[in-house]
Amino acid sequence: MAKRTGETRGSDGADGSSFEDDLKRLEEIVRSLEAGDMPLEKSLALYEEGLTLSKRCGQRLDGAEARLQELLEKDGGTEKVDLDLEK
């Protein structure tokens, strides 16, 4: 299957963005909000965008974890691996 122009590897965001693109944008938003030098309405808009990106990144990570777990289980005879990185 041919790759569409502008498509990035692993892109599955509504706008065609990849996990890495979304994470980079989220980091930019955090830096801007931490600087605290913008009008309230702009800060609220960035915060809202950040929440959306954070949720989308979390969903992608959950999907990757589920896929990895499925692959490990298909390997046969492997025991379930706890992939919880927050411990």
C-alpha atoms as a PDB file:
ATOM      1  CA  MET A   1       0.000   0.000   0.000  1.00  0.00           C
ATOM      2  CA  ALA A   2       1.398   3.389  -0.953  1.00  0.00           C
ATOM      3  CA  LYS A   3       2.166   5.882   1.729  1.00  0.00           C
ATOM      4  CA  ARG A   4       0.148   9.095   1.477  1.00  0.00           C
ATOM      5  CA  THR A   5       2.042  12.333   1.152  1.00  0.00           C
ATOM      6  CA  GLY A   6       2.576  13.931   4.542  1.00  0.00           C
ATOM      7  CA  GLU A   7       1.701  10.777   6.458  1.00  0.00           C
ATOM      8  CA  THR A   8       4.000  10.037   9.364  1.00  0.00           C
ATOM      9  CA  ARG A   9       4.796   6.611  10.714  1.00  0.00           C
ATOM     10  CA  GLY A  10       2.278   5.670  13.370  1.00  0.00           C
ATOM     11  CA  SER A  11      -0.034   8.555  12.586  1.00  0.00           C
ATOM     12  CA  ASP A  12      -3.525   7.966  13.814  1.00  0.00           C
ATOM     13  CA  GLY A  13      -4.571  11.309  15.193  1.00  0.00           C
ATOM     14  CA  ALA A  14      -7.689  12.989  13.861  1.00  0.00           C
ATOM     15  CA  ASP A  15      -5.442  15.481  12.092  1.00  0.00           C
ATOM     16  CA  GLY A  16      -2.940  12.863  10.878  1.00  0.00           C
ATOM     17  CA  SER A  17      -0.453  13.621  13.627  1.00  0.00           C
ATOM     18  CA  SER A  18       1.725  10.964  15.190  1.00  0.00           C
ATOM     19  CA  PHE A  19       2.167  10.250  18.888  1.00  0.00           C
ATOM     20  CA  GLU A  20       5.534  11.981  18.717  1.00  0.00           C
ATOM     21  CA  ASP A  21       4.008  15.062  17.064  1.00  0.00           C
ATOM     22  CA  ASP A  22       1.313  15.258  19.737  1.00  0.00           C
ATOM     23  CA  LEU A  23       3.807  14.817  22.553  1.00  0.00           C
ATOM     24  CA  LYS A  24       6.051  17.536  21.138  1.00  0.00           C
ATOM     25  CA  ARG A  25       3.099  19.926  20.861  1.00  0.00           C
ATOM     26  CA  LEU A  26       2.033  19.074  24.414  1.00  0.00           C
ATOM     27  CA  GLU A  27       5.525  19.899  25.673  1.00  0.00           C
ATOM     28  CA  GLU A  28       5.387  23.247  23.842  1.00  0.00           C
ATOM     29  CA  ILE A  29       2.049  24.023  25.470  1.00  0.00           C
ATOM     30  CA  VAL A  30       3.373  23.199  28.937  1.00  0.00           C
ATOM     31  CA  ARG A  31       6.373  25.489  28.423  1.00  0.00           C
ATOM     32  CA  SER A  32       4.118  28.321  27.240  1.00  0.00           C
ATOM     33  CA  LEU A  33       1.738  27.924  30.166  1.00  0.00           C
ATOM     34  CA  GLU A  34       4.588  27.750  32.662  1.00  0.00           C
ATOM     35  CA  ALA A  35       5.999  31.020  31.282  1.00  0.00           C
ATOM     36  CA  GLY A  36       2.728  32.674  32.304  1.00  0.00           C
ATOM     37  CA  ASP A  37       3.121  35.634  29.979  1.00  0.00           C
ATOM     38  CA  MET A  38      -0.020  35.419  27.858  1.00  0.00           C
ATOM     39  CA  PRO A  39      -3.605  36.625  28.175  1.00  0.00           C
ATOM     40  CA  LEU A  40      -6.083  34.498  30.115  1.00  0.00           C
ATOM     41  CA  GLU A  41      -8.136  33.512  27.059  1.00  0.00           C
ATOM     42  CA  LYS A  42      -5.018  32.308  25.225  1.00  0.00           C
ATOM     43  CA  SER A  43      -3.936  30.360  28.323  1.00  0.00           C
ATOM     44  CA  LEU A  44      -7.351  28.700  28.558  1.00  0.00           C
ATOM     45  CA  ALA A  45      -7.293  27.769  24.871  1.00  0.00           C
ATOM     46  CA  LEU A  46      -3.823  26.241  25.228  1.00  0.00           C
ATOM     47  CA  TYR A  47      -4.851  24.394  28.373  1.00  0.00           C
ATOM     48  CA  GLU A  48      -7.848  22.931  26.561  1.00  0.00           C
ATOM     49  CA  GLU A  49      -5.661  21.869  23.625  1.00  0.00           C
ATOM     50  CA  GLY A  50      -3.226  20.305  26.092  1.00  0.00           C
ATOM     51  CA  LEU A  51      -5.989  18.288  27.737  1.00  0.00           C
ATOM     52  CA  THR A  52      -7.066  16.944  24.351  1.00  0.00           C
ATOM     53  CA  LEU A  53      -3.500  16.021  23.421  1.00  0.00           C
ATOM     54  CA  SER A  54      -2.866  14.414  26.802  1.00  0.00           C
ATOM     55  CA  LYS A  55      -5.967  12.254  26.470  1.00  0.00           C
ATOM     56  CA  ARG A  56      -5.067  11.247  22.911  1.00  0.00           C
ATOM     57  CA  CYS A  57      -1.493  10.353  23.909  1.00  0.00           C
ATOM     58  CA  GLY A  58      -2.790   8.312  26.842  1.00  0.00           C
ATOM     59  CA  GLN A  59      -5.169   6.409  24.575  1.00  0.00           C
ATOM     60  CA  ARG A  60      -2.372   5.684  22.131  1.00  0.00           C
ATOM     61  CA  LEU A  61      -0.140   4.394  24.928  1.00  0.00           C
ATOM     62  CA  ASP A  62      -2.964   2.187  26.216  1.00  0.00           C
ATOM     63  CA  GLY A  63      -3.457   0.812  22.701  1.00  0.00           C
ATOM     64  CA  ALA A  64       0.255   0.138  22.292  1.00  0.00           C
ATOM     65  CA  GLU A  65       0.356  -1.632  25.648  1.00  0.00           C
ATOM     66  CA  ALA A  66      -2.631  -3.806  24.697  1.00  0.00           C
ATOM     67  CA  ARG A  67      -1.044  -4.665  21.357  1.00  0.00           C
ATOM     68  CA  LEU A  68       2.266  -5.534  22.997  1.00  0.00           C
ATOM     69  CA  GLN A  69       0.487  -7.712  25.550  1.00  0.00           C
ATOM     70  CA  GLU A  70      -1.380  -9.478  22.738  1.00  0.00           C
ATOM     71  CA  LEU A  71       1.867 -10.137  20.889  1.00  0.00           C
ATOM     72  CA  LEU A  72       3.503 -11.504  24.018  1.00  0.00           C
ATOM     73  CA  GLU A  73       0.565 -13.820  24.646  1.00  0.00           C
ATOM     74  CA  LYS A  74       0.565 -15.013  21.015  1.00  0.00           C
ATOM     75  CA  ASP A  75       4.208 -15.940  21.454  1.00  0.00           C
ATOM     76  CA  GLY A  76       2.871 -18.947  23.321  1.00  0.00           C
ATOM     77  CA  GLY A  77       3.678 -20.021  26.800  1.00  0.00           C
ATOM     78  CA  THR A  78       4.736 -16.579  27.914  1.00  0.00           C
ATOM     79  CA  GLU A  79       3.371 -15.376  31.160  1.00  0.00           C
ATOM     80  CA  LYS A  80       1.500 -12.102  31.382  1.00  0.00           C
ATOM     81  CA  VAL A  81       3.849  -9.167  31.832  1.00  0.00           C
ATOM     82  CA  ASP A  82       2.830  -6.203  33.967  1.00  0.00           C
ATOM     83  CA  LEU A  83       3.567  -3.178  31.806  1.00  0.00           C
ATOM     84  CA  ASP A  84       2.462  -0.587  34.362  1.00  0.00           C
ATOM     85  CA  LEU A  85       5.265   1.980  34.164  1.00  0.00           C
ATOM     86  CA  GLU A  86       3.853   4.136  36.958  1.00  0.00           C
ATOM     87  CA  LYS A  87       5.123   1.845  39.717  1.00  0.00           C
END
